[in-house]
Amino acid sequence: MRRRHMTRHFSGEPIDGDVVDRLLDLATRAPSAGYTQGLDLVVLSAEHARSAFWRAASSAAWRDRQGVESVLHAPVVIAPVVDPSAYLRRYGEPDKHHSGLAGIPAQSWPVPYWSIDAAFAVMTILLAASDAGLGALFFRLHGPAGEVLAALGAPTDRVMIGAIGLGHPAHSVPDGSPVRRPRRVPEDVVHRERW
């Protein structure tokens, strides 16, 4: 956990497929609200698939920005895709009626469990990648979500919270916000018994 950081510069060196498979297996074991398991992971390792993803997920202006080209060198992109309707169905089942979510439309849920589950899977991949000596970057989509889902061949009623670039780091020294901003110390973050 202490070694983990977002990697923004990838060497482009291929990743062993067994390593990727281990990361994906771990992601499927991340917590799932109601054990709904409404998460799918689209893994892009072929050049043509990653190129199609980047065309849909970003603008040409973004791809041409200085420093971005190294992100595009990530040899694997993992897109977590969740199905809100799976959660609506699951929380409509008898053993979940006590939750108070049965029959509530997705846009009215106080917390979208599908987004939380996707975030759990993402964090699992980020930690496992660091443990495997790889770099990883979680990033938001810079293109319309519907177009990205279509480019992935995923049903367009699904939801994406972003995607993960995965690969060997090009630099051993982290960059980005942690270099410019100090980490808050636990004494400033942790509140015991009340705020």
Protein backbone atom coordinates (compact mmCIF):
# COMPACT_ATOMS: atom_id res chain seq x y z
CA MET A 1 0.00 0.00 0.00
CA ARG A 2 2.82 2.40 0.81
CA ARG A 3 4.48 1.73 -2.58
CA ARG A 4 1.29 2.21 -4.61
CA HIS A 5 1.00 5.36 -6.70
CA MET A 6 -0.55 6.29 -10.02
CA THR A 7 1.82 5.65 -12.92
CA ARG A 8 1.54 8.16 -15.76
CA HIS A 9 4.51 6.99 -17.83
CA PHE A 10 4.54 3.44 -19.19
CA SER A 11 7.46 1.81 -20.98
CA GLY A 12 5.22 -0.08 -23.42
CA GLU A 13 6.93 -3.36 -22.47
CA PRO A 14 4.39 -6.22 -22.65
CA ILE A 15 2.96 -7.72 -19.48
CA ASP A 16 2.94 -11.46 -18.89
CA GLY A 17 -0.61 -12.72 -19.49
CA ASP A 18 -0.53 -14.83 -16.32
CA VAL A 19 0.12 -11.71 -14.26
CA VAL A 20 -2.84 -9.93 -15.86
CA ASP A 21 -5.01 -12.99 -15.21
CA ARG A 22 -4.03 -12.97 -11.52
CA LEU A 23 -4.99 -9.30 -11.23
CA LEU A 24 -8.33 -9.95 -12.89
CA ASP A 25 -9.02 -12.92 -10.62
CA LEU A 26 -8.35 -10.76 -7.58
CA ALA A 27 -10.65 -8.04 -8.92
CA THR A 28 -13.51 -10.54 -9.16
CA ARG A 29 -13.02 -11.18 -5.44
CA ALA A 30 -13.48 -7.53 -4.44
CA PRO A 31 -16.51 -6.77 -2.25
CA SER A 32 -19.86 -6.82 -4.05
CA ALA A 33 -22.99 -5.27 -2.52
CA GLY A 34 -25.48 -8.03 -1.83
CA TYR A 35 -23.09 -10.33 -3.67
CA THR A 36 -24.74 -8.94 -6.81
CA GLN A 37 -21.56 -9.36 -8.89
CA GLY A 38 -22.80 -6.84 -11.42
CA LEU A 39 -19.28 -6.04 -12.63
CA ASP A 40 -17.67 -7.01 -15.93
CA LEU A 41 -14.05 -6.27 -16.84
CA VAL A 42 -13.18 -5.55 -20.45
CA VAL A 43 -9.46 -6.20 -20.97
CA LEU A 44 -7.75 -4.57 -23.93
CA SER A 45 -4.28 -5.87 -24.74
CA ALA A 46 -4.32 -5.93 -28.56
CA GLU A 47 -3.08 -2.73 -30.20
CA HIS A 48 -6.19 -2.33 -32.39
CA ALA A 49 -8.52 -2.70 -29.37
CA ARG A 50 -6.57 -0.17 -27.29
CA SER A 51 -6.50 2.27 -30.22
CA ALA A 52 -10.26 1.99 -30.70
CA PHE A 53 -10.75 2.53 -26.97
CA TRP A 54 -8.54 5.64 -26.94
CA ARG A 55 -10.34 7.09 -29.97
CA ALA A 56 -13.68 6.73 -28.18
CA ALA A 57 -12.49 7.56 -24.65
CA SER A 58 -10.56 10.74 -25.45
CA SER A 59 -10.37 13.63 -27.86
CA ALA A 60 -7.58 14.19 -30.39
CA ALA A 61 -6.69 17.39 -28.51
CA TRP A 62 -6.26 15.42 -25.27
CA ARG A 63 -4.18 12.71 -26.98
CA ASP A 64 -1.93 15.41 -28.48
CA ARG A 65 -1.20 17.05 -25.13
CA GLN A 66 2.39 16.83 -23.94
CA GLY A 67 2.94 13.96 -21.53
CA VAL A 68 -0.19 12.04 -22.52
CA GLU A 69 1.53 9.88 -25.11
CA SER A 70 3.20 7.82 -22.37
CA VAL A 71 -0.21 6.96 -20.89
CA LEU A 72 -1.21 5.69 -24.33
CA HIS A 73 1.74 3.26 -24.18
CA ALA A 74 0.12 1.22 -21.40
CA PRO A 75 0.06 -2.29 -22.92
CA VAL A 76 -3.16 -3.19 -21.12
CA VAL A 77 -6.29 -1.16 -20.47
CA ILE A 78 -8.94 -2.58 -18.14
CA ALA A 79 -12.42 -1.10 -18.33
CA PRO A 80 -14.69 -1.87 -15.37
CA VAL A 81 -18.28 -1.94 -16.60
CA VAL A 82 -21.20 -2.29 -14.17
CA ASP A 83 -24.86 -3.12 -14.64
CA PRO A 84 -27.12 -0.98 -12.41
CA SER A 85 -30.13 -3.13 -13.32
CA ALA A 86 -28.43 -6.16 -11.74
CA TYR A 87 -28.44 -4.27 -8.43
CA LEU A 88 -32.07 -3.25 -8.87
CA ARG A 89 -32.98 -6.90 -9.42
CA ARG A 90 -30.82 -8.14 -6.55
CA TYR A 91 -32.21 -5.63 -4.07
CA GLY A 92 -35.72 -6.54 -5.17
CA GLU A 93 -35.18 -10.14 -3.98
CA PRO A 94 -36.87 -11.19 -0.72
CA ASP A 95 -33.67 -11.41 1.35
CA LYS A 96 -32.88 -7.75 0.53
CA HIS A 97 -36.29 -6.17 1.20
CA HIS A 98 -35.06 -4.98 4.60
CA SER A 99 -32.59 -2.65 2.82
CA GLY A 100 -35.33 -0.23 1.80
CA LEU A 101 -34.01 -0.11 -1.77
CA ALA A 102 -36.54 -2.46 -3.38
CA GLY A 103 -38.48 -0.72 -6.14
CA ILE A 104 -36.44 2.49 -6.02
CA PRO A 105 -35.20 3.60 -9.48
CA ALA A 106 -31.42 3.63 -9.95
CA GLN A 107 -31.19 7.44 -10.10
CA SER A 108 -32.83 7.66 -6.65
CA TRP A 109 -30.51 5.31 -4.77
CA PRO A 110 -28.77 7.33 -2.02
CA VAL A 111 -25.52 5.51 -2.82
CA PRO A 112 -25.07 3.81 -6.23
CA TYR A 113 -23.75 0.43 -5.06
CA TRP A 114 -22.69 -0.42 -8.63
CA SER A 115 -20.22 2.49 -8.67
CA ILE A 116 -18.88 1.48 -5.26
CA ASP A 117 -18.38 -2.12 -6.42
CA ALA A 118 -16.54 -0.87 -9.52
CA ALA A 119 -14.33 1.29 -7.28
CA PHE A 120 -13.57 -1.71 -5.03
CA ALA A 121 -12.48 -3.73 -8.07
CA VAL A 122 -10.36 -0.83 -9.36
CA MET A 123 -8.61 -0.46 -6.00
CA THR A 124 -7.97 -4.20 -5.88
CA ILE A 125 -6.31 -4.03 -9.31
CA LEU A 126 -4.25 -0.96 -8.35
CA LEU A 127 -2.94 -2.67 -5.20
CA ALA A 128 -2.33 -6.02 -6.91
CA ALA A 129 -0.50 -4.28 -9.78
CA SER A 130 1.81 -2.56 -7.32
CA ASP A 131 2.40 -5.87 -5.56
CA ALA A 132 3.30 -7.43 -8.94
CA GLY A 133 5.83 -4.66 -9.66
CA LEU A 134 3.62 -3.03 -12.28
CA GLY A 135 2.40 0.51 -12.65
CA ALA A 136 -1.26 1.38 -12.93
CA LEU A 137 -3.27 4.51 -13.58
CA PHE A 138 -6.98 5.00 -12.94
CA PHE A 139 -8.33 7.71 -15.22
CA ARG A 140 -11.66 9.22 -16.13
CA LEU A 141 -13.15 8.90 -19.58
CA HIS A 142 -12.54 11.94 -21.78
CA GLY A 143 -15.20 10.91 -24.28
CA PRO A 144 -18.93 10.21 -24.11
CA ALA A 145 -19.61 7.10 -22.02
CA GLY A 146 -22.07 5.71 -24.59
CA GLU A 147 -19.45 5.88 -27.34
CA VAL A 148 -16.85 4.22 -25.12
CA LEU A 149 -19.24 1.40 -24.23
CA ALA A 150 -20.09 0.95 -27.92
CA ALA A 151 -16.38 0.84 -28.82
CA LEU A 152 -15.93 -1.88 -26.20
CA GLY A 153 -18.87 -3.83 -27.59
CA ALA A 154 -20.55 -3.53 -24.17
CA PRO A 155 -24.27 -2.97 -23.68
CA THR A 156 -24.87 0.77 -23.71
CA ASP A 157 -27.12 0.64 -20.62
CA ARG A 158 -24.07 -0.15 -18.49
CA VAL A 159 -22.01 2.33 -16.45
CA MET A 160 -18.27 3.02 -16.41
CA ILE A 161 -16.52 5.01 -13.70
CA GLY A 162 -13.29 5.24 -15.71
CA ALA A 163 -10.59 2.80 -16.78
CA ILE A 164 -7.15 1.53 -15.73
CA GLY A 165 -3.93 1.71 -17.71
CA LEU A 166 -1.59 -1.09 -16.71
CA GLY A 167 2.05 -1.67 -17.55
CA HIS A 168 5.69 -1.42 -16.56
CA PRO A 169 6.57 2.05 -15.30
CA ALA A 170 8.92 4.03 -17.53
CA HIS A 171 10.26 5.91 -14.49
CA SER A 172 10.93 4.66 -10.98
CA VAL A 173 10.14 8.03 -9.38
CA PRO A 174 6.45 8.94 -8.98
CA ASP A 175 5.16 12.15 -10.48
CA GLY A 176 1.86 13.97 -10.40
CA SER A 177 -0.02 15.41 -7.44
CA PRO A 178 1.78 13.48 -4.63
CA VAL A 179 5.02 15.20 -5.64
CA ARG A 180 3.40 18.63 -5.36
CA ARG A 181 1.10 18.06 -2.38
CA PRO A 182 1.96 16.67 1.04
CA ARG A 183 0.00 13.70 2.37
CA ARG A 184 -2.31 14.48 5.26
CA VAL A 185 -1.07 12.80 8.41
CA PRO A 186 -3.36 10.35 10.24
CA GLU A 187 -3.73 12.76 13.18
CA ASP A 188 -5.43 15.23 10.81
CA VAL A 189 -7.61 12.61 9.11
CA VAL A 190 -8.73 10.23 11.85
CA HIS A 191 -11.49 11.41 14.22
CA ARG A 192 -12.19 9.11 17.14
CA GLU A 193 -15.65 8.85 18.70
CA ARG A 194 -16.79 12.07 16.94
CA TRP A 195 -15.44 14.81 14.61
